[in-house]
Amino acid sequence: MAEVERIKTGVIGLDDKLEGGFVRGSVIYLAGKTGTGKTSFAAQFIYAGCIRGESGIYVTTEERGEDIKADIKSVFDIDLEVLENKGLLRFVSLRPSIPSFRGFTQEDIASITKLYVFDFMNKIEQEVKTINAKRVVVDSISIIESFIKDDYLKKVSLIQIINRLKELNVTALITGTIKEDSEALSESGIIEFLADGVIKLDFVPVAEEFKRTLTIRKMRRTDHSVYIHPFEITKKGIRIIEIE
């Protein structure tokens, strides 16, 4: 059996829980409630590739790229703009404009949805080819799930996005927000089943405080840890805290 090629996640201590890292060419879904560290994780993933010569595309669907870069610079001892200037990283803002769909027929909505997904992925593909990117972050998928109201169209669209990312031969990290009152890991409850891997970030109460934790819920072709791992966000990056 051929050996599975893996890439570094960038998160300190996580690769050991994944037989060495993410499977190259896979699509990983990173889920968590607001404030659990999803954007920090995504930035660390893309940064880990850039410093190894693997250029990356950071697609933002909600926040401005400038705000993400400023936030990351304040949290970590890294400057993403330096990587941009070297041509190793590109930030792409693809924030959707949400129509009301009032007065639209089902056929109209289906056509608009297909065009949106086609345009979304075409822009990512163009950026990937421009710098020969090996890693892609989509931060986040939740607003796209909200944009597509019909459950069938939503599932088909998410399948198309994941398949197109795989066709680009990139390793992709897709973030998504877990609603406060939901048991599902995504807005649609679908993408966690479609992705090759699922990592959940959370807050848990420990000694009258809330600690951030990481759980690997799924990782294809990987004998991964099934434990809940506490982690901290330091100036050097996200670090898994080893429990003696």
C-alpha atoms as a PDB file:
ATOM      1  CA  MET A   1       0.000   0.000   0.000  1.00  0.00           C
ATOM      2  CA  ALA A   2       1.340   3.407  -0.984  1.00  0.00           C
ATOM      3  CA  GLU A   3       2.308   5.677   1.893  1.00  0.00           C
ATOM      4  CA  VAL A   4      -0.113   8.542   2.532  1.00  0.00           C
ATOM      5  CA  GLU A   5       1.521  11.934   1.965  1.00  0.00           C
ATOM      6  CA  ARG A   6       0.872  14.369   4.792  1.00  0.00           C
ATOM      7  CA  ILE A   7       1.407  18.083   5.384  1.00  0.00           C
ATOM      8  CA  LYS A   8       2.057  20.017   8.577  1.00  0.00           C
ATOM      9  CA  THR A   9      -1.019  21.569  10.192  1.00  0.00           C
ATOM     10  CA  GLY A  10       0.989  24.384  11.793  1.00  0.00           C
ATOM     11  CA  VAL A  11      -0.682  23.805  15.169  1.00  0.00           C
ATOM     12  CA  ILE A  12       1.933  22.909  17.782  1.00  0.00           C
ATOM     13  CA  GLY A  13       1.388  19.336  18.989  1.00  0.00           C
ATOM     14  CA  LEU A  14      -1.466  18.497  16.603  1.00  0.00           C
ATOM     15  CA  ASP A  15       0.489  16.604  13.934  1.00  0.00           C
ATOM     16  CA  ASP A  16       1.344  13.890  16.464  1.00  0.00           C
ATOM     17  CA  LYS A  17      -2.383  13.263  16.867  1.00  0.00           C
ATOM     18  CA  LEU A  18      -2.842  12.836  13.096  1.00  0.00           C
ATOM     19  CA  GLU A  19      -0.053  10.428  12.099  1.00  0.00           C
ATOM     20  CA  GLY A  20       2.022  13.412  10.996  1.00  0.00           C
ATOM     21  CA  GLY A  21      -0.500  15.920   9.691  1.00  0.00           C
ATOM     22  CA  PHE A  22      -3.355  16.398   7.229  1.00  0.00           C
ATOM     23  CA  VAL A  23      -3.528  14.126   4.184  1.00  0.00           C
ATOM     24  CA  ARG A  24      -2.331  16.159   1.206  1.00  0.00           C
ATOM     25  CA  GLY A  25      -5.211  17.044  -1.085  1.00  0.00           C
ATOM     26  CA  SER A  26      -7.888  16.572   1.570  1.00  0.00           C
ATOM     27  CA  VAL A  27     -10.648  18.976   2.612  1.00  0.00           C
ATOM     28  CA  ILE A  28     -10.860  19.619   6.340  1.00  0.00           C
ATOM     29  CA  TYR A  29     -13.837  21.198   8.087  1.00  0.00           C
ATOM     30  CA  LEU A  30     -13.007  23.272  11.174  1.00  0.00           C
ATOM     31  CA  ALA A  31     -16.086  23.910  13.309  1.00  0.00           C
ATOM     32  CA  GLY A  32     -16.559  25.928  16.463  1.00  0.00           C
ATOM     33  CA  LYS A  33     -18.668  28.542  18.170  1.00  0.00           C
ATOM     34  CA  THR A  34     -17.741  32.212  18.002  1.00  0.00           C
ATOM     35  CA  GLY A  35     -14.448  32.940  19.764  1.00  0.00           C
ATOM     36  CA  THR A  36     -13.073  29.411  19.877  1.00  0.00           C
ATOM     37  CA  GLY A  37     -10.079  30.225  17.643  1.00  0.00           C
ATOM     38  CA  LYS A  38     -11.119  29.175  14.124  1.00  0.00           C
ATOM     39  CA  THR A  39      -9.521  32.110  12.312  1.00  0.00           C
ATOM     40  CA  SER A  40      -6.319  31.767  14.366  1.00  0.00           C
ATOM     41  CA  PHE A  41      -6.159  28.076  13.451  1.00  0.00           C
ATOM     42  CA  ALA A  42      -6.787  28.857   9.767  1.00  0.00           C
ATOM     43  CA  ALA A  43      -4.084  31.536   9.715  1.00  0.00           C
ATOM     44  CA  GLN A  44      -1.610  29.189  11.371  1.00  0.00           C
ATOM     45  CA  PHE A  45      -2.399  26.495   8.790  1.00  0.00           C
ATOM     46  CA  ILE A  46      -1.813  28.831   5.856  1.00  0.00           C
ATOM     47  CA  TYR A  47       1.316  30.304   7.480  1.00  0.00           C
ATOM     48  CA  ALA A  48       2.800  26.844   8.063  1.00  0.00           C
ATOM     49  CA  GLY A  49       2.577  26.203   4.338  1.00  0.00           C
ATOM     50  CA  CYS A  50       4.024  29.549   3.271  1.00  0.00           C
ATOM     51  CA  ILE A  51       7.164  29.183   5.398  1.00  0.00           C
ATOM     52  CA  ARG A  52       7.723  25.806   3.732  1.00  0.00           C
ATOM     53  CA  GLY A  53       7.353  27.253   0.244  1.00  0.00           C
ATOM     54  CA  GLU A  54       3.740  26.118  -0.174  1.00  0.00           C
ATOM     55  CA  SER A  55       1.865  29.233  -1.257  1.00  0.00           C
ATOM     56  CA  GLY A  56      -1.680  29.757  -0.031  1.00  0.00           C
ATOM     57  CA  ILE A  57      -4.993  31.473  -0.700  1.00  0.00           C
ATOM     58  CA  TYR A  58      -7.025  32.833   2.206  1.00  0.00           C
ATOM     59  CA  VAL A  59     -10.650  33.311   1.112  1.00  0.00           C
ATOM     60  CA  THR A  60     -12.751  35.403   3.459  1.00  0.00           C
ATOM     61  CA  THR A  61     -16.522  35.487   3.057  1.00  0.00           C
ATOM     62  CA  GLU A  62     -17.365  37.641   6.071  1.00  0.00           C
ATOM     63  CA  GLU A  63     -14.535  39.804   7.440  1.00  0.00           C
ATOM     64  CA  ARG A  64     -12.234  42.060   5.446  1.00  0.00           C
ATOM     65  CA  GLY A  65      -8.802  40.656   4.712  1.00  0.00           C
ATOM     66  CA  GLU A  66      -7.226  43.733   6.304  1.00  0.00           C
ATOM     67  CA  ASP A  67      -9.054  43.050   9.577  1.00  0.00           C
ATOM     68  CA  ILE A  68      -7.977  39.397   9.651  1.00  0.00           C
ATOM     69  CA  LYS A  69      -4.332  40.332   9.033  1.00  0.00           C
ATOM     70  CA  ALA A  70      -4.438  42.954  11.775  1.00  0.00           C
ATOM     71  CA  ASP A  71      -6.071  40.532  14.233  1.00  0.00           C
ATOM     72  CA  ILE A  72      -3.528  37.782  13.524  1.00  0.00           C
ATOM     73  CA  LYS A  73      -0.621  40.206  13.850  1.00  0.00           C
ATOM     74  CA  SER A  74      -1.905  41.230  17.286  1.00  0.00           C
ATOM     75  CA  VAL A  75      -2.261  37.601  18.425  1.00  0.00           C
ATOM     76  CA  PHE A  76       0.791  35.866  16.901  1.00  0.00           C
ATOM     77  CA  ASP A  77       4.385  36.854  16.202  1.00  0.00           C
ATOM     78  CA  ILE A  78       3.722  36.616  12.463  1.00  0.00           C
ATOM     79  CA  ASP A  79       3.054  39.213   9.792  1.00  0.00           C
ATOM     80  CA  LEU A  80       0.930  37.846   6.956  1.00  0.00           C
ATOM     81  CA  GLU A  81       1.519  40.968   4.849  1.00  0.00           C
ATOM     82  CA  VAL A  82       5.197  40.001   4.574  1.00  0.00           C
ATOM     83  CA  LEU A  83       4.116  36.721   2.970  1.00  0.00           C
ATOM     84  CA  GLU A  84       1.792  38.636   0.636  1.00  0.00           C
ATOM     85  CA  ASN A  85       4.651  40.885  -0.469  1.00  0.00           C
ATOM     86  CA  LYS A  86       6.739  37.803  -1.232  1.00  0.00           C
ATOM     87  CA  GLY A  87       3.968  36.411  -3.445  1.00  0.00           C
ATOM     88  CA  LEU A  88       3.386  33.419  -1.173  1.00  0.00           C
ATOM     89  CA  LEU A  89      -0.055  34.437   0.080  1.00  0.00           C
ATOM     90  CA  ARG A  90      -3.126  36.087  -1.352  1.00  0.00           C
ATOM     91  CA  PHE A  91      -6.216  37.263   0.508  1.00  0.00           C
ATOM     92  CA  VAL A  92      -9.446  37.088  -1.491  1.00  0.00           C
ATOM     93  CA  SER A  93     -12.710  38.633  -0.311  1.00  0.00           C
ATOM     94  CA  LEU A  94     -15.738  36.812  -1.725  1.00  0.00           C
ATOM     95  CA  ARG A  95     -18.560  38.099   0.421  1.00  0.00           C
ATOM     96  CA  PRO A  96     -21.928  37.135  -1.091  1.00  0.00           C
ATOM     97  CA  SER A  97     -24.729  39.614  -1.626  1.00  0.00           C
ATOM     98  CA  ILE A  98     -27.816  37.986  -0.158  1.00  0.00           C
ATOM     99  CA  PRO A  99     -30.974  38.614  -2.255  1.00  0.00           C
ATOM    100  CA  SER A 100     -34.462  38.347  -0.755  1.00  0.00           C
ATOM    101  CA  PHE A 101     -35.594  35.982  -3.558  1.00  0.00           C
ATOM    102  CA  ARG A 102     -39.098  37.471  -3.324  1.00  0.00           C
ATOM    103  CA  GLY A 103     -41.011  36.889  -6.505  1.00  0.00           C
ATOM    104  CA  PHE A 104     -38.414  34.416  -7.804  1.00  0.00           C
ATOM    105  CA  THR A 105     -39.505  31.021  -9.053  1.00  0.00           C
ATOM    106  CA  GLN A 106     -37.762  27.847  -7.875  1.00  0.00           C
ATOM    107  CA  GLU A 107     -36.050  27.674 -11.260  1.00  0.00           C
ATOM    108  CA  ASP A 108     -34.797  31.268 -10.849  1.00  0.00           C
ATOM    109  CA  ILE A 109     -33.393  30.497  -7.399  1.00  0.00           C
ATOM    110  CA  ALA A 110     -31.698  27.336  -8.675  1.00  0.00           C
ATOM    111  CA  SER A 111     -30.096  29.265 -11.555  1.00  0.00           C
ATOM    112  CA  ILE A 112     -28.865  32.080  -9.273  1.00  0.00           C
ATOM    113  CA  THR A 113     -27.432  29.539  -6.821  1.00  0.00           C
ATOM    114  CA  LYS A 114     -25.610  27.621  -9.552  1.00  0.00           C
ATOM    115  CA  LEU A 115     -24.156  30.841 -10.964  1.00  0.00           C
ATOM    116  CA  TYR A 116     -23.033  31.972  -7.520  1.00  0.00           C
ATOM    117  CA  VAL A 117     -21.237  28.688  -6.745  1.00  0.00           C
ATOM    118  CA  PHE A 118     -19.709  28.605 -10.244  1.00  0.00           C
ATOM    119  CA  ASP A 119     -18.419  32.183  -9.901  1.00  0.00           C
ATOM    120  CA  PHE A 120     -17.204  31.574  -6.329  1.00  0.00           C
ATOM    121  CA  MET A 121     -15.117  28.564  -7.314  1.00  0.00           C
ATOM    122  CA  ASN A 122     -13.891  30.129 -10.557  1.00  0.00           C
ATOM    123  CA  LYS A 123     -12.417  33.053  -8.625  1.00  0.00           C
ATOM    124  CA  ILE A 124     -10.704  30.678  -6.204  1.00  0.00           C
ATOM    125  CA  GLU A 125      -9.350  28.632  -9.097  1.00  0.00           C
ATOM    126  CA  GLN A 126      -7.937  31.742 -10.780  1.00  0.00           C
ATOM    127  CA  GLU A 127      -6.164  32.772  -7.584  1.00  0.00           C
ATOM    128  CA  VAL A 128      -4.802  29.260  -7.011  1.00  0.00           C
ATOM    129  CA  LYS A 129      -3.361  29.137 -10.530  1.00  0.00           C
ATOM    130  CA  THR A 130      -1.906  32.649 -10.237  1.00  0.00           C
ATOM    131  CA  ILE A 131       0.492  31.682  -7.434  1.00  0.00           C
ATOM    132  CA  ASN A 132       0.388  27.878  -7.806  1.00  0.00           C
ATOM    133  CA  ALA A 133      -1.196  27.622  -4.361  1.00  0.00           C
ATOM    134  CA  LYS A 134      -0.984  24.378  -2.414  1.00  0.00           C
ATOM    135  CA  ARG A 135      -3.214  25.403   0.488  1.00  0.00           C
ATOM    136  CA  VAL A 136      -6.591  27.139   0.570  1.00  0.00           C
ATOM    137  CA  VAL A 137      -8.596  28.484   3.496  1.00  0.00           C
ATOM    138  CA  VAL A 138     -12.297  29.318   3.152  1.00  0.00           C
ATOM    139  CA  ASP A 139     -13.291  31.360   6.209  1.00  0.00           C
ATOM    140  CA  SER A 140     -16.166  30.749   6.519  1.00  0.00           C
ATOM    141  CA  ILE A 141     -18.658  28.478   4.787  1.00  0.00           C
ATOM    142  CA  SER A 142     -21.520  29.436   7.135  1.00  0.00           C
ATOM    143  CA  ILE A 143     -22.609  32.536   5.235  1.00  0.00           C
ATOM    144  CA  ILE A 144     -22.710  30.529   2.006  1.00  0.00           C
ATOM    145  CA  GLU A 145     -24.910  27.930   3.699  1.00  0.00           C
ATOM    146  CA  SER A 146     -27.218  30.748   4.850  1.00  0.00           C
ATOM    147  CA  PHE A 147     -27.332  32.150   1.311  1.00  0.00           C
ATOM    148  CA  ILE A 148     -28.674  28.877  -0.120  1.00  0.00           C
ATOM    149  CA  LYS A 149     -32.114  28.300   1.406  1.00  0.00           C
ATOM    150  CA  ASP A 150     -33.201  25.130  -0.403  1.00  0.00           C
ATOM    151  CA  ASP A 151     -31.829  21.999   1.317  1.00  0.00           C
ATOM    152  CA  TYR A 152     -31.301  20.077  -1.919  1.00  0.00           C
ATOM    153  CA  LEU A 153     -29.525  22.983  -3.625  1.00  0.00           C
ATOM    154  CA  LYS A 154     -27.457  23.508  -0.481  1.00  0.00           C
ATOM    155  CA  LYS A 155     -26.229  19.896  -0.480  1.00  0.00           C
ATOM    156  CA  VAL A 156     -25.473  19.905  -4.203  1.00  0.00           C
ATOM    157  CA  SER A 157     -23.640  23.239  -3.933  1.00  0.00           C
ATOM    158  CA  LEU A 158     -21.488  22.094  -1.002  1.00  0.00           C
ATOM    159  CA  ILE A 159     -20.611  18.895  -2.868  1.00  0.00           C
ATOM    160  CA  GLN A 160     -19.578  20.989  -5.873  1.00  0.00           C
ATOM    161  CA  ILE A 161     -17.407  23.283  -3.743  1.00  0.00           C
ATOM    162  CA  ILE A 162     -15.610  20.372  -2.079  1.00  0.00           C
ATOM    163  CA  ASN A 163     -15.147  18.496  -5.361  1.00  0.00           C
ATOM    164  CA  ARG A 164     -13.764  21.592  -7.106  1.00  0.00           C
ATOM    165  CA  LEU A 165     -11.288  22.143  -4.275  1.00  0.00           C
ATOM    166  CA  LYS A 166     -10.119  18.536  -4.655  1.00  0.00           C
ATOM    167  CA  GLU A 167      -9.743  18.999  -8.418  1.00  0.00           C
ATOM    168  CA  LEU A 168      -7.429  21.952  -7.752  1.00  0.00           C
ATOM    169  CA  ASN A 169      -5.023  19.582  -5.937  1.00  0.00           C
ATOM    170  CA  VAL A 170      -4.894  21.794  -2.870  1.00  0.00           C
ATOM    171  CA  THR A 171      -5.255  20.941   0.793  1.00  0.00           C
ATOM    172  CA  ALA A 172      -8.222  22.981   1.959  1.00  0.00           C
ATOM    173  CA  LEU A 173      -9.393  24.110   5.386  1.00  0.00           C
ATOM    174  CA  ILE A 174     -13.009  25.287   5.586  1.00  0.00           C
ATOM    175  CA  THR A 175     -14.249  26.998   8.742  1.00  0.00           C
ATOM    176  CA  GLY A 176     -17.816  27.072   9.976  1.00  0.00           C
ATOM    177  CA  THR A 177     -19.653  28.511  12.960  1.00  0.00           C
ATOM    178  CA  ILE A 178     -21.676  26.309  15.305  1.00  0.00           C
ATOM    179  CA  LYS A 179     -24.817  28.049  16.498  1.00  0.00           C
ATOM    180  CA  GLU A 180     -25.167  28.438  20.262  1.00  0.00           C
ATOM    181  CA  ASP A 181     -28.381  26.398  20.427  1.00  0.00           C
ATOM    182  CA  SER A 182     -27.472  23.739  17.853  1.00  0.00           C
ATOM    183  CA  GLU A 183     -26.106  20.217  18.117  1.00  0.00           C
ATOM    184  CA  ALA A 184     -25.092  20.214  14.449  1.00  0.00           C
ATOM    185  CA  LEU A 185     -21.526  21.156  13.515  1.00  0.00           C
ATOM    186  CA  SER A 186     -22.601  23.383  10.626  1.00  0.00           C
ATOM    187  CA  GLU A 187     -25.408  25.652   9.465  1.00  0.00           C
ATOM    188  CA  SER A 188     -26.676  22.941   7.127  1.00  0.00           C
ATOM    189  CA  GLY A 189     -25.734  19.830   9.088  1.00  0.00           C
ATOM    190  CA  ILE A 190     -24.274  18.525   5.825  1.00  0.00           C
ATOM    191  CA  ILE A 191     -20.694  19.634   5.325  1.00  0.00           C
ATOM    192  CA  GLU A 192     -19.340  17.642   8.263  1.00  0.00           C
ATOM    193  CA  PHE A 193     -20.371  14.494   6.395  1.00  0.00           C
ATOM    194  CA  LEU A 194     -18.884  15.627   3.077  1.00  0.00           C
ATOM    195  CA  ALA A 195     -15.452  16.735   4.327  1.00  0.00           C
ATOM    196  CA  ASP A 196     -12.503  14.337   4.599  1.00  0.00           C
ATOM    197  CA  GLY A 197     -11.808  15.507   8.131  1.00  0.00           C
ATOM    198  CA  VAL A 198     -13.645  17.346  10.888  1.00  0.00           C
ATOM    199  CA  ILE A 199     -12.046  19.191  13.808  1.00  0.00           C
ATOM    200  CA  LYS A 200     -14.186  20.788  16.481  1.00  0.00           C
ATOM    201  CA  LEU A 201     -13.035  23.682  18.653  1.00  0.00           C
ATOM    202  CA  ASP A 202     -14.908  24.355  21.859  1.00  0.00           C
ATOM    203  CA  PHE A 203     -15.036  25.992  25.271  1.00  0.00           C
ATOM    204  CA  VAL A 204     -15.304  23.684  28.284  1.00  0.00           C
ATOM    205  CA  PRO A 205     -15.593  24.613  31.964  1.00  0.00           C
ATOM    206  CA  VAL A 206     -12.443  23.735  33.928  1.00  0.00           C
ATOM    207  CA  ALA A 207     -11.908  24.843  37.558  1.00  0.00           C
ATOM    208  CA  GLU A 208     -14.380  27.748  37.309  1.00  0.00           C
ATOM    209  CA  GLU A 209     -12.875  28.872  34.008  1.00  0.00           C
ATOM    210  CA  PHE A 210     -13.590  28.130  30.374  1.00  0.00           C
ATOM    211  CA  LYS A 211     -10.759  26.490  28.471  1.00  0.00           C
ATOM    212  CA  ARG A 212     -10.475  26.053  24.725  1.00  0.00           C
ATOM    213  CA  THR A 213     -10.428  22.443  23.529  1.00  0.00           C
ATOM    214  CA  LEU A 214      -9.889  20.615  20.241  1.00  0.00           C
ATOM    215  CA  THR A 215     -11.442  17.305  19.196  1.00  0.00           C
ATOM    216  CA  ILE A 216     -10.701  15.412  15.967  1.00  0.00           C
ATOM    217  CA  ARG A 217     -14.153  14.136  15.060  1.00  0.00           C
ATOM    218  CA  LYS A 218     -13.178  12.527  11.765  1.00  0.00           C
ATOM    219  CA  MET A 219     -10.067  12.142   9.606  1.00  0.00           C
ATOM    220  CA  ARG A 220     -10.083   9.771   6.652  1.00  0.00           C
ATOM    221  CA  ARG A 221      -7.056   7.525   6.081  1.00  0.00           C
ATOM    222  CA  THR A 222      -5.754   8.503   9.512  1.00  0.00           C
ATOM    223  CA  ASP A 223      -5.481   6.695  12.840  1.00  0.00           C
ATOM    224  CA  HIS A 224      -6.210   9.846  14.815  1.00  0.00           C
ATOM    225  CA  SER A 225      -6.615  10.725  18.456  1.00  0.00           C
ATOM    226  CA  VAL A 226     -10.164  10.505  19.781  1.00  0.00           C
ATOM    227  CA  TYR A 227      -9.492  12.482  22.961  1.00  0.00           C
ATOM    228  CA  ILE A 228     -10.488  16.036  23.855  1.00  0.00           C
ATOM    229  CA  HIS A 229      -7.310  18.131  23.798  1.00  0.00           C
ATOM    230  CA  PRO A 230      -7.052  21.445  25.655  1.00  0.00           C
ATOM    231  CA  PHE A 231      -5.113  24.125  23.788  1.00  0.00           C
ATOM    232  CA  GLU A 232      -3.892  27.655  24.282  1.00  0.00           C
ATOM    233  CA  ILE A 233      -3.286  30.536  21.908  1.00  0.00           C
ATOM    234  CA  THR A 234       0.238  31.877  22.441  1.00  0.00           C
ATOM    235  CA  LYS A 235       2.424  34.368  20.592  1.00  0.00           C
ATOM    236  CA  LYS A 236       4.091  31.394  18.864  1.00  0.00           C
ATOM    237  CA  GLY A 237       0.749  29.997  17.782  1.00  0.00           C
ATOM    238  CA  ILE A 238      -1.934  27.571  18.891  1.00  0.00           C
ATOM    239  CA  ARG A 239      -0.411  24.896  21.120  1.00  0.00           C
ATOM    240  CA  ILE A 240      -1.949  21.638  22.278  1.00  0.00           C
ATOM    241  CA  ILE A 241      -1.543  21.254  26.035  1.00  0.00           C
ATOM    242  CA  GLU A 242      -0.288  17.773  26.867  1.00  0.00           C
ATOM    243  CA  ILE A 243      -1.923  16.245  29.936  1.00  0.00           C
ATOM    244  CA  GLU A 244       0.434  14.199  32.115  1.00  0.00           C
END
